[in-house]
């Protein structure tokens, strides 16, 4: 599997956020996101990076899931009428996955958390990203990345 450690700065996501569990309907969150957008907004967001963001909730008892787009600034969030989520800067363990997104995401994160991250001697922080590529997310040759924020990696000087 194609893996890497990538340092990435903080960024803002405009999207739809739910309190989630492993049994949540994540595809339903994406449907709700696109149902909320006007045709003009859909056209405006077509070239934005789509991401799914899983973060520990404020009480650290569960997690939230946000389906959305990386945007530049609060005005972009307001213009879309969506929730803004700031994703903190971090070092991320990443893996490229191929196949329909619904079938590839869980195995990608399982590989990161059971193999790649432990092998590197680092620890996940609980922030995970689904970084979507272009194309049909249901295609057999669809490619996207799973990212998991990690601690215990020294930044290169």
C-alpha atoms as a PDB file:
ATOM      1  CA  UNK A   1       0.000   0.000   0.000  1.00  0.00           C
ATOM      2  CA  UNK A   2       1.195   3.501  -0.797  1.00  0.00           C
ATOM      3  CA  UNK A   3       1.733   5.238   2.550  1.00  0.00           C
ATOM      4  CA  UNK A   4       3.396   8.439   3.715  1.00  0.00           C
ATOM      5  CA  UNK A   5       3.745  10.825   6.630  1.00  0.00           C
ATOM      6  CA  UNK A   6       2.626  14.336   5.642  1.00  0.00           C
ATOM      7  CA  UNK A   7       2.757  17.510   7.711  1.00  0.00           C
ATOM      8  CA  UNK A   8      -0.279  19.680   6.973  1.00  0.00           C
ATOM      9  CA  UNK A   9      -1.344  23.050   8.385  1.00  0.00           C
ATOM     10  CA  UNK A  10      -4.750  23.840   9.827  1.00  0.00           C
ATOM     11  CA  UNK A  11      -7.626  24.359   7.419  1.00  0.00           C
ATOM     12  CA  UNK A  12     -11.317  25.201   7.359  1.00  0.00           C
ATOM     13  CA  UNK A  13     -14.052  22.864   6.160  1.00  0.00           C
ATOM     14  CA  UNK A  14     -17.575  24.018   5.267  1.00  0.00           C
ATOM     15  CA  UNK A  15     -20.016  21.160   5.555  1.00  0.00           C
ATOM     16  CA  UNK A  16     -22.663  19.233   7.432  1.00  0.00           C
ATOM     17  CA  UNK A  17     -21.659  17.875  10.861  1.00  0.00           C
ATOM     18  CA  UNK A  18     -23.261  15.114  12.924  1.00  0.00           C
ATOM     19  CA  UNK A  19     -22.495  13.417  16.213  1.00  0.00           C
ATOM     20  CA  UNK A  20     -21.478  10.014  14.922  1.00  0.00           C
ATOM     21  CA  UNK A  21     -20.748   6.410  15.799  1.00  0.00           C
ATOM     22  CA  UNK A  22     -19.273   3.578  13.748  1.00  0.00           C
ATOM     23  CA  UNK A  23     -22.846   2.702  12.719  1.00  0.00           C
ATOM     24  CA  UNK A  24     -23.714   6.184  11.425  1.00  0.00           C
ATOM     25  CA  UNK A  25     -24.973   6.667   7.876  1.00  0.00           C
ATOM     26  CA  UNK A  26     -21.994   8.588   6.488  1.00  0.00           C
ATOM     27  CA  UNK A  27     -23.326   8.424   2.924  1.00  0.00           C
ATOM     28  CA  UNK A  28     -26.499  10.049   4.256  1.00  0.00           C
ATOM     29  CA  UNK A  29     -24.448  12.988   5.567  1.00  0.00           C
ATOM     30  CA  UNK A  30     -23.024  13.529   2.070  1.00  0.00           C
ATOM     31  CA  UNK A  31     -26.548  13.337   0.620  1.00  0.00           C
ATOM     32  CA  UNK A  32     -27.741  15.929   3.136  1.00  0.00           C
ATOM     33  CA  UNK A  33     -24.802  18.179   2.223  1.00  0.00           C
ATOM     34  CA  UNK A  34     -25.628  18.135  -1.483  1.00  0.00           C
ATOM     35  CA  UNK A  35     -29.378  18.429  -0.810  1.00  0.00           C
ATOM     36  CA  UNK A  36     -28.704  21.686   1.061  1.00  0.00           C
ATOM     37  CA  UNK A  37     -26.773  23.252  -1.817  1.00  0.00           C
ATOM     38  CA  UNK A  38     -28.441  25.197  -4.606  1.00  0.00           C
ATOM     39  CA  UNK A  39     -27.455  24.398  -8.184  1.00  0.00           C
ATOM     40  CA  UNK A  40     -25.322  27.554  -8.193  1.00  0.00           C
ATOM     41  CA  UNK A  41     -23.569  26.459  -4.981  1.00  0.00           C
ATOM     42  CA  UNK A  42     -23.009  22.960  -6.389  1.00  0.00           C
ATOM     43  CA  UNK A  43     -21.306  24.515  -9.412  1.00  0.00           C
ATOM     44  CA  UNK A  44     -19.216  26.778  -7.143  1.00  0.00           C
ATOM     45  CA  UNK A  45     -18.045  23.854  -4.980  1.00  0.00           C
ATOM     46  CA  UNK A  46     -17.387  21.420  -7.844  1.00  0.00           C
ATOM     47  CA  UNK A  47     -13.661  22.178  -7.908  1.00  0.00           C
ATOM     48  CA  UNK A  48     -13.185  22.376  -4.126  1.00  0.00           C
ATOM     49  CA  UNK A  49     -11.444  19.542  -2.273  1.00  0.00           C
ATOM     50  CA  UNK A  50     -14.043  17.204  -0.727  1.00  0.00           C
ATOM     51  CA  UNK A  51     -13.178  15.792   2.700  1.00  0.00           C
ATOM     52  CA  UNK A  52     -14.826  13.749   5.404  1.00  0.00           C
ATOM     53  CA  UNK A  53     -13.567  14.808   8.850  1.00  0.00           C
ATOM     54  CA  UNK A  54     -13.794  12.578  11.919  1.00  0.00           C
ATOM     55  CA  UNK A  55     -12.809  14.345  15.149  1.00  0.00           C
ATOM     56  CA  UNK A  56     -13.275  13.599  18.844  1.00  0.00           C
ATOM     57  CA  UNK A  57     -16.294  15.508  20.162  1.00  0.00           C
ATOM     58  CA  UNK A  58     -15.937  18.294  22.734  1.00  0.00           C
ATOM     59  CA  UNK A  59     -16.595  15.925  25.659  1.00  0.00           C
ATOM     60  CA  UNK A  60     -14.115  13.366  24.224  1.00  0.00           C
ATOM     61  CA  UNK A  61     -16.832  10.713  24.574  1.00  0.00           C
ATOM     62  CA  UNK A  62     -17.410  10.059  20.894  1.00  0.00           C
ATOM     63  CA  UNK A  63     -16.753  11.779  17.606  1.00  0.00           C
ATOM     64  CA  UNK A  64     -18.233  14.109  15.054  1.00  0.00           C
ATOM     65  CA  UNK A  65     -18.278  13.575  11.313  1.00  0.00           C
ATOM     66  CA  UNK A  66     -18.284  16.435   8.835  1.00  0.00           C
ATOM     67  CA  UNK A  67     -18.873  15.955   5.113  1.00  0.00           C
ATOM     68  CA  UNK A  68     -17.676  19.043   3.322  1.00  0.00           C
ATOM     69  CA  UNK A  69     -15.272  21.127   1.304  1.00  0.00           C
ATOM     70  CA  UNK A  70     -12.000  22.837   2.163  1.00  0.00           C
ATOM     71  CA  UNK A  71     -12.688  26.589   1.954  1.00  0.00           C
ATOM     72  CA  UNK A  72     -10.775  29.812   2.485  1.00  0.00           C
ATOM     73  CA  UNK A  73     -12.290  31.790   5.339  1.00  0.00           C
ATOM     74  CA  UNK A  74     -15.512  32.160   7.305  1.00  0.00           C
ATOM     75  CA  UNK A  75     -17.269  34.191   4.547  1.00  0.00           C
ATOM     76  CA  UNK A  76     -17.094  31.091   2.291  1.00  0.00           C
ATOM     77  CA  UNK A  77     -18.753  28.994   5.016  1.00  0.00           C
ATOM     78  CA  UNK A  78     -21.485  31.626   5.478  1.00  0.00           C
ATOM     79  CA  UNK A  79     -22.073  31.945   1.737  1.00  0.00           C
ATOM     80  CA  UNK A  80     -22.760  28.216   1.559  1.00  0.00           C
ATOM     81  CA  UNK A  81     -24.966  28.229   4.671  1.00  0.00           C
ATOM     82  CA  UNK A  82     -22.991  25.358   6.178  1.00  0.00           C
ATOM     83  CA  UNK A  83     -21.149  24.596   9.429  1.00  0.00           C
ATOM     84  CA  UNK A  84     -17.481  25.591   9.663  1.00  0.00           C
ATOM     85  CA  UNK A  85     -14.986  23.179  11.214  1.00  0.00           C
ATOM     86  CA  UNK A  86     -11.334  24.023  11.797  1.00  0.00           C
ATOM     87  CA  UNK A  87      -9.099  20.999  11.332  1.00  0.00           C
ATOM     88  CA  UNK A  88      -5.908  21.419  13.369  1.00  0.00           C
ATOM     89  CA  UNK A  89      -2.422  21.334  11.889  1.00  0.00           C
ATOM     90  CA  UNK A  90      -0.853  17.919  12.344  1.00  0.00           C
ATOM     91  CA  UNK A  91       1.427  15.244  11.024  1.00  0.00           C
ATOM     92  CA  UNK A  92      -0.754  12.735   9.167  1.00  0.00           C
ATOM     93  CA  UNK A  93      -0.180   9.094   8.349  1.00  0.00           C
ATOM     94  CA  UNK A  94      -1.721   8.572   4.916  1.00  0.00           C
ATOM     95  CA  UNK A  95      -2.650   5.647   2.718  1.00  0.00           C
ATOM     96  CA  UNK A  96      -3.915   5.587  -0.856  1.00  0.00           C
ATOM     97  CA  UNK A  97      -6.962   3.348  -1.308  1.00  0.00           C
ATOM     98  CA  UNK A  98      -8.543   2.191  -4.543  1.00  0.00           C
ATOM     99  CA  UNK A  99     -12.064   0.977  -5.280  1.00  0.00           C
ATOM    100  CA  UNK A 100     -15.524   2.226  -4.390  1.00  0.00           C
ATOM    101  CA  UNK A 101     -15.172   4.682  -1.503  1.00  0.00           C
ATOM    102  CA  UNK A 102     -17.828   2.958   0.608  1.00  0.00           C
ATOM    103  CA  UNK A 103     -15.798  -0.274   0.443  1.00  0.00           C
ATOM    104  CA  UNK A 104     -12.286   1.227   0.655  1.00  0.00           C
ATOM    105  CA  UNK A 105     -12.387   3.722   3.515  1.00  0.00           C
ATOM    106  CA  UNK A 106     -12.699   1.332   6.473  1.00  0.00           C
ATOM    107  CA  UNK A 107      -9.942  -1.044   5.244  1.00  0.00           C
ATOM    108  CA  UNK A 108      -7.713   1.999   4.640  1.00  0.00           C
ATOM    109  CA  UNK A 109      -8.117   3.259   8.194  1.00  0.00           C
ATOM    110  CA  UNK A 110      -7.801  -0.287   9.547  1.00  0.00           C
ATOM    111  CA  UNK A 111      -4.446  -0.620   7.750  1.00  0.00           C
ATOM    112  CA  UNK A 112      -3.211   2.735   9.086  1.00  0.00           C
ATOM    113  CA  UNK A 113      -4.218   1.956  12.680  1.00  0.00           C
ATOM    114  CA  UNK A 114      -3.257  -1.729  12.819  1.00  0.00           C
ATOM    115  CA  UNK A 115      -0.111  -1.771  10.693  1.00  0.00           C
ATOM    116  CA  UNK A 116       1.435   1.494   9.455  1.00  0.00           C
ATOM    117  CA  UNK A 117       1.079   3.684  12.575  1.00  0.00           C
ATOM    118  CA  UNK A 118       2.231   0.996  15.086  1.00  0.00           C
ATOM    119  CA  UNK A 119       5.146   0.069  12.792  1.00  0.00           C
ATOM    120  CA  UNK A 120       6.293   3.712  12.869  1.00  0.00           C
ATOM    121  CA  UNK A 121       6.072   3.815  16.688  1.00  0.00           C
ATOM    122  CA  UNK A 122       3.650   6.728  16.662  1.00  0.00           C
ATOM    123  CA  UNK A 123       0.157   7.246  18.086  1.00  0.00           C
ATOM    124  CA  UNK A 124      -3.090   8.388  16.438  1.00  0.00           C
ATOM    125  CA  UNK A 125      -4.681  11.550  17.889  1.00  0.00           C
ATOM    126  CA  UNK A 126      -8.253  10.679  16.915  1.00  0.00           C
ATOM    127  CA  UNK A 127      -8.499  13.096  13.966  1.00  0.00           C
ATOM    128  CA  UNK A 128      -9.100  11.218  10.707  1.00  0.00           C
ATOM    129  CA  UNK A 129      -9.704  12.528   7.193  1.00  0.00           C
ATOM    130  CA  UNK A 130     -11.234  11.014   4.088  1.00  0.00           C
ATOM    131  CA  UNK A 131      -9.580  12.938   1.245  1.00  0.00           C
ATOM    132  CA  UNK A 132     -11.609  12.380  -1.897  1.00  0.00           C
ATOM    133  CA  UNK A 133     -10.130  12.332  -5.387  1.00  0.00           C
ATOM    134  CA  UNK A 134     -11.849  13.345  -8.598  1.00  0.00           C
ATOM    135  CA  UNK A 135     -14.233  10.989 -10.344  1.00  0.00           C
ATOM    136  CA  UNK A 136     -17.000   8.560  -9.524  1.00  0.00           C
ATOM    137  CA  UNK A 137     -16.748   7.441  -5.871  1.00  0.00           C
ATOM    138  CA  UNK A 138     -18.510   4.173  -6.783  1.00  0.00           C
ATOM    139  CA  UNK A 139     -16.047   3.168  -9.539  1.00  0.00           C
ATOM    140  CA  UNK A 140     -13.819   0.099  -9.139  1.00  0.00           C
ATOM    141  CA  UNK A 141     -10.754   2.205 -10.034  1.00  0.00           C
ATOM    142  CA  UNK A 142     -11.645   5.202  -7.810  1.00  0.00           C
ATOM    143  CA  UNK A 143      -8.662   6.520  -5.822  1.00  0.00           C
ATOM    144  CA  UNK A 144      -8.677   8.518  -2.591  1.00  0.00           C
ATOM    145  CA  UNK A 145      -6.658   8.867   0.598  1.00  0.00           C
ATOM    146  CA  UNK A 146      -7.277   8.073   4.255  1.00  0.00           C
ATOM    147  CA  UNK A 147      -5.369  10.354   6.650  1.00  0.00           C
ATOM    148  CA  UNK A 148      -4.918   9.866  10.400  1.00  0.00           C
ATOM    149  CA  UNK A 149      -3.317  12.585  12.558  1.00  0.00           C
ATOM    150  CA  UNK A 150      -0.450  11.248  14.660  1.00  0.00           C
ATOM    151  CA  UNK A 151       1.750  12.225  17.600  1.00  0.00           C
ATOM    152  CA  UNK A 152       5.307  11.139  18.227  1.00  0.00           C
ATOM    153  CA  UNK A 153       6.858  12.157  14.905  1.00  0.00           C
ATOM    154  CA  UNK A 154       9.692  14.643  14.943  1.00  0.00           C
ATOM    155  CA  UNK A 155       9.373  17.305  12.249  1.00  0.00           C
ATOM    156  CA  UNK A 156      12.374  17.605   9.967  1.00  0.00           C
ATOM    157  CA  UNK A 157      14.470  20.689  10.756  1.00  0.00           C
END
